């Protein structure tokens, strides 16, 4: 019985360390984006990212009574946006960049060669399956039985509307700094 308390405490301590380091690494992506596209120094980028993080955290804390704000964030960011970004990346890699060109870049400094069947899988099978799964998910969560955040948005509940407004404002901010930067990097392959 005594060792279970020690190992349980150690497990949750290590889990906390893993969560903190994962959060830092996820924040780094936003910081790099803000630094690069806004041309800000590191300290100012931390202030900008900190503002958005603190605002989003405040919204969750303020509307935490029935966890609707957190559920709204989780539904749209953790489920919908996660899937949509995977689908967009797969389509851009397969169709815009080109599977052959992309896999050639992957194999340039690799010892392992990627089998040719993956070209077909990445170009046709994966986007088709992702689209089918997405349509089934839409049918299940939007059209047939609405998920709680969708119902709350329909009723105009502040716990869902305000987080969605914040997400929309943040997305517009990121879009604006990307478009205004004038430094869109176009991938031209290895040089």
Protein backbone atom coordinates (compact mmCIF):
# COMPACT_ATOMS: atom_id res chain seq x y z
CA UNK A 1 0.00 0.00 0.00
CA UNK A 2 2.83 2.41 0.87
CA UNK A 3 4.66 1.97 -2.43
CA UNK A 4 1.50 2.68 -4.41
CA UNK A 5 1.38 6.19 -2.94
CA UNK A 6 5.02 6.77 -3.90
CA UNK A 7 4.63 5.43 -7.42
CA UNK A 8 1.28 7.17 -7.90
CA UNK A 9 2.75 10.49 -6.77
CA UNK A 10 5.80 9.99 -8.97
CA UNK A 11 3.58 9.17 -11.94
CA UNK A 12 1.52 12.33 -11.58
CA UNK A 13 4.62 14.44 -10.96
CA UNK A 14 6.15 13.16 -14.19
CA UNK A 15 2.81 13.64 -15.96
CA UNK A 16 2.79 17.28 -14.82
CA UNK A 17 6.34 17.80 -16.11
CA UNK A 18 5.34 16.26 -19.45
CA UNK A 19 2.29 18.55 -19.67
CA UNK A 20 4.36 21.66 -18.94
CA UNK A 21 7.05 20.79 -21.48
CA UNK A 22 4.40 19.99 -24.10
CA UNK A 23 2.70 23.33 -23.44
CA UNK A 24 6.00 25.15 -23.84
CA UNK A 25 6.72 23.39 -27.13
CA UNK A 26 3.23 24.23 -28.46
CA UNK A 27 3.65 27.87 -27.45
CA UNK A 28 6.97 27.95 -29.31
CA UNK A 29 5.20 27.47 -32.64
CA UNK A 30 3.04 30.54 -32.03
CA UNK A 31 6.02 32.55 -30.84
CA UNK A 32 8.05 31.69 -33.91
CA UNK A 33 5.13 32.58 -36.15
CA UNK A 34 4.62 35.95 -34.47
CA UNK A 35 8.36 36.71 -34.51
CA UNK A 36 8.78 35.82 -38.15
CA UNK A 37 5.66 37.37 -39.64
CA UNK A 38 5.36 40.44 -37.41
CA UNK A 39 9.08 41.08 -37.27
CA UNK A 40 8.99 41.38 -33.47
CA UNK A 41 11.80 40.68 -31.06
CA UNK A 42 11.44 37.67 -28.78
CA UNK A 43 10.27 39.61 -25.71
CA UNK A 44 7.51 41.43 -27.59
CA UNK A 45 6.40 38.20 -29.27
CA UNK A 46 6.10 36.65 -25.80
CA UNK A 47 3.93 39.60 -24.73
CA UNK A 48 1.63 39.21 -27.76
CA UNK A 49 1.37 35.43 -27.35
CA UNK A 50 0.95 35.84 -23.59
CA UNK A 51 -1.93 38.25 -24.16
CA UNK A 52 -3.82 35.77 -26.32
CA UNK A 53 -3.04 32.88 -23.97
CA UNK A 54 -4.12 34.85 -20.89
CA UNK A 55 -7.30 36.03 -22.62
CA UNK A 56 -8.25 32.51 -23.67
CA UNK A 57 -7.49 31.19 -20.19
CA UNK A 58 -9.53 33.98 -18.60
CA UNK A 59 -12.52 33.13 -20.79
CA UNK A 60 -12.36 29.48 -19.71
CA UNK A 61 -11.98 30.46 -16.04
CA UNK A 62 -14.83 32.98 -16.20
CA UNK A 63 -17.27 30.60 -17.92
CA UNK A 64 -16.17 27.45 -16.11
CA UNK A 65 -19.47 26.85 -14.32
CA UNK A 66 -20.69 24.09 -16.62
CA UNK A 67 -17.42 23.69 -18.56
CA UNK A 68 -19.11 25.04 -21.68
CA UNK A 69 -16.23 27.35 -22.64
CA UNK A 70 -13.69 24.54 -22.30
CA UNK A 71 -16.01 22.18 -24.17
CA UNK A 72 -16.37 24.75 -26.96
CA UNK A 73 -12.60 25.15 -27.27
CA UNK A 74 -12.13 21.39 -27.19
CA UNK A 75 -14.83 20.75 -29.78
CA UNK A 76 -13.63 23.31 -32.30
CA UNK A 77 -9.86 23.20 -31.72
CA UNK A 78 -9.27 19.69 -30.44
CA UNK A 79 -11.67 17.97 -32.79
CA UNK A 80 -12.71 20.04 -35.80
CA UNK A 81 -9.58 22.14 -36.45
CA UNK A 82 -7.28 19.22 -35.71
CA UNK A 83 -8.98 17.14 -38.37
CA UNK A 84 -9.35 19.97 -40.90
CA UNK A 85 -5.66 20.87 -40.59
CA UNK A 86 -4.68 17.23 -41.21
CA UNK A 87 -6.91 17.12 -44.28
CA UNK A 88 -5.59 20.43 -45.63
CA UNK A 89 -1.96 19.38 -45.08
CA UNK A 90 -2.54 16.07 -46.83
CA UNK A 91 -4.20 17.73 -49.81
CA UNK A 92 -1.53 20.45 -50.05
CA UNK A 93 1.26 17.90 -49.82
CA UNK A 94 -0.35 15.53 -52.30
CA UNK A 95 -1.79 17.93 -54.84
CA UNK A 96 -0.14 21.34 -54.48
CA UNK A 97 3.43 20.35 -53.69
CA UNK A 98 3.13 17.05 -55.49
CA UNK A 99 3.66 13.62 -54.01
CA UNK A 100 6.66 12.80 -56.18
CA UNK A 101 8.41 16.06 -55.34
CA UNK A 102 7.57 15.80 -51.64
CA UNK A 103 8.72 12.21 -51.32
CA UNK A 104 11.88 13.02 -53.28
CA UNK A 105 12.66 15.70 -50.71
CA UNK A 106 11.99 13.21 -47.92
CA UNK A 107 14.29 10.63 -49.49
CA UNK A 108 17.16 13.01 -50.34
CA UNK A 109 19.06 12.44 -47.10
CA UNK A 110 17.33 9.26 -46.01
CA UNK A 111 18.68 5.74 -45.98
CA UNK A 112 15.18 4.28 -46.19
CA UNK A 113 13.27 4.55 -49.45
CA UNK A 114 9.52 5.05 -49.28
CA UNK A 115 7.62 2.38 -51.27
CA UNK A 116 5.92 3.65 -54.44
CA UNK A 117 2.50 2.47 -53.25
CA UNK A 118 2.49 5.36 -50.76
CA UNK A 119 2.33 7.83 -53.63
CA UNK A 120 -1.09 6.45 -54.57
CA UNK A 121 -2.17 6.15 -50.95
CA UNK A 122 -1.18 9.74 -50.14
CA UNK A 123 -2.68 11.21 -53.28
CA UNK A 124 -5.99 9.35 -53.48
CA UNK A 125 -6.75 6.98 -50.61
CA UNK A 126 -5.92 9.20 -47.63
CA UNK A 127 -7.78 12.34 -48.80
CA UNK A 128 -10.80 10.22 -49.78
CA UNK A 129 -10.89 8.47 -46.41
CA UNK A 130 -10.36 11.74 -44.54
CA UNK A 131 -13.22 13.33 -46.46
CA UNK A 132 -15.50 10.34 -45.78
CA UNK A 133 -14.65 10.39 -42.08
CA UNK A 134 -15.23 14.15 -41.98
CA UNK A 135 -18.65 13.85 -43.60
CA UNK A 136 -19.60 11.06 -41.17
CA UNK A 137 -18.39 13.22 -38.27
CA UNK A 138 -20.44 16.16 -39.56
CA UNK A 139 -23.51 13.96 -39.83
CA UNK A 140 -23.04 12.64 -36.31
CA UNK A 141 -22.14 15.92 -34.55
CA UNK A 142 -23.88 18.62 -36.55
CA UNK A 143 -26.79 17.30 -38.60
CA UNK A 144 -28.15 14.30 -36.69
CA UNK A 145 -27.39 14.97 -33.01
CA UNK A 146 -25.82 18.31 -32.35
CA UNK A 147 -22.86 18.41 -30.02
CA UNK A 148 -23.26 20.49 -26.85
CA UNK A 149 -21.19 23.47 -28.11
CA UNK A 150 -23.22 23.63 -31.33
CA UNK A 151 -26.49 23.59 -29.37
CA UNK A 152 -25.16 26.26 -26.99
CA UNK A 153 -24.12 28.45 -29.93
CA UNK A 154 -27.60 28.05 -31.39
CA UNK A 155 -29.13 29.19 -28.10
CA UNK A 156 -26.68 32.12 -27.90
CA UNK A 157 -25.15 31.09 -24.57
CA UNK A 158 -22.27 33.32 -23.54
CA UNK A 159 -20.16 30.33 -22.49
CA UNK A 160 -20.04 29.23 -26.14
CA UNK A 161 -20.44 32.49 -28.06
CA UNK A 162 -17.60 34.37 -26.34
CA UNK A 163 -15.01 31.58 -26.84
CA UNK A 164 -16.04 31.34 -30.51
CA UNK A 165 -15.67 35.11 -30.86
CA UNK A 166 -12.21 34.90 -29.30
CA UNK A 167 -11.22 32.04 -31.62
CA UNK A 168 -12.48 34.01 -34.62
CA UNK A 169 -10.58 37.13 -33.51
CA UNK A 170 -7.39 35.12 -32.99
CA UNK A 171 -7.75 33.43 -36.38
CA UNK A 172 -8.28 36.82 -38.03
CA UNK A 173 -5.22 38.17 -36.21
CA UNK A 174 -3.07 35.31 -37.51
CA UNK A 175 -4.49 35.72 -41.01
CA UNK A 176 -3.88 39.47 -40.90
CA UNK A 177 -0.24 39.21 -39.82
CA UNK A 178 0.36 36.54 -42.43
CA UNK A 179 -1.14 38.61 -45.23
CA UNK A 180 0.35 41.92 -44.06
CA UNK A 181 3.84 40.61 -43.61
CA UNK A 182 4.50 40.42 -47.34
CA UNK A 183 7.07 37.74 -46.61
CA UNK A 184 5.24 34.63 -47.68
CA UNK A 185 7.77 31.88 -48.03
CA UNK A 186 7.24 29.78 -51.11
CA UNK A 187 8.76 26.33 -50.96
CA UNK A 188 11.04 25.69 -53.92
CA UNK A 189 12.50 22.38 -52.84
CA UNK A 190 16.05 21.69 -51.72
CA UNK A 191 18.70 24.03 -53.00
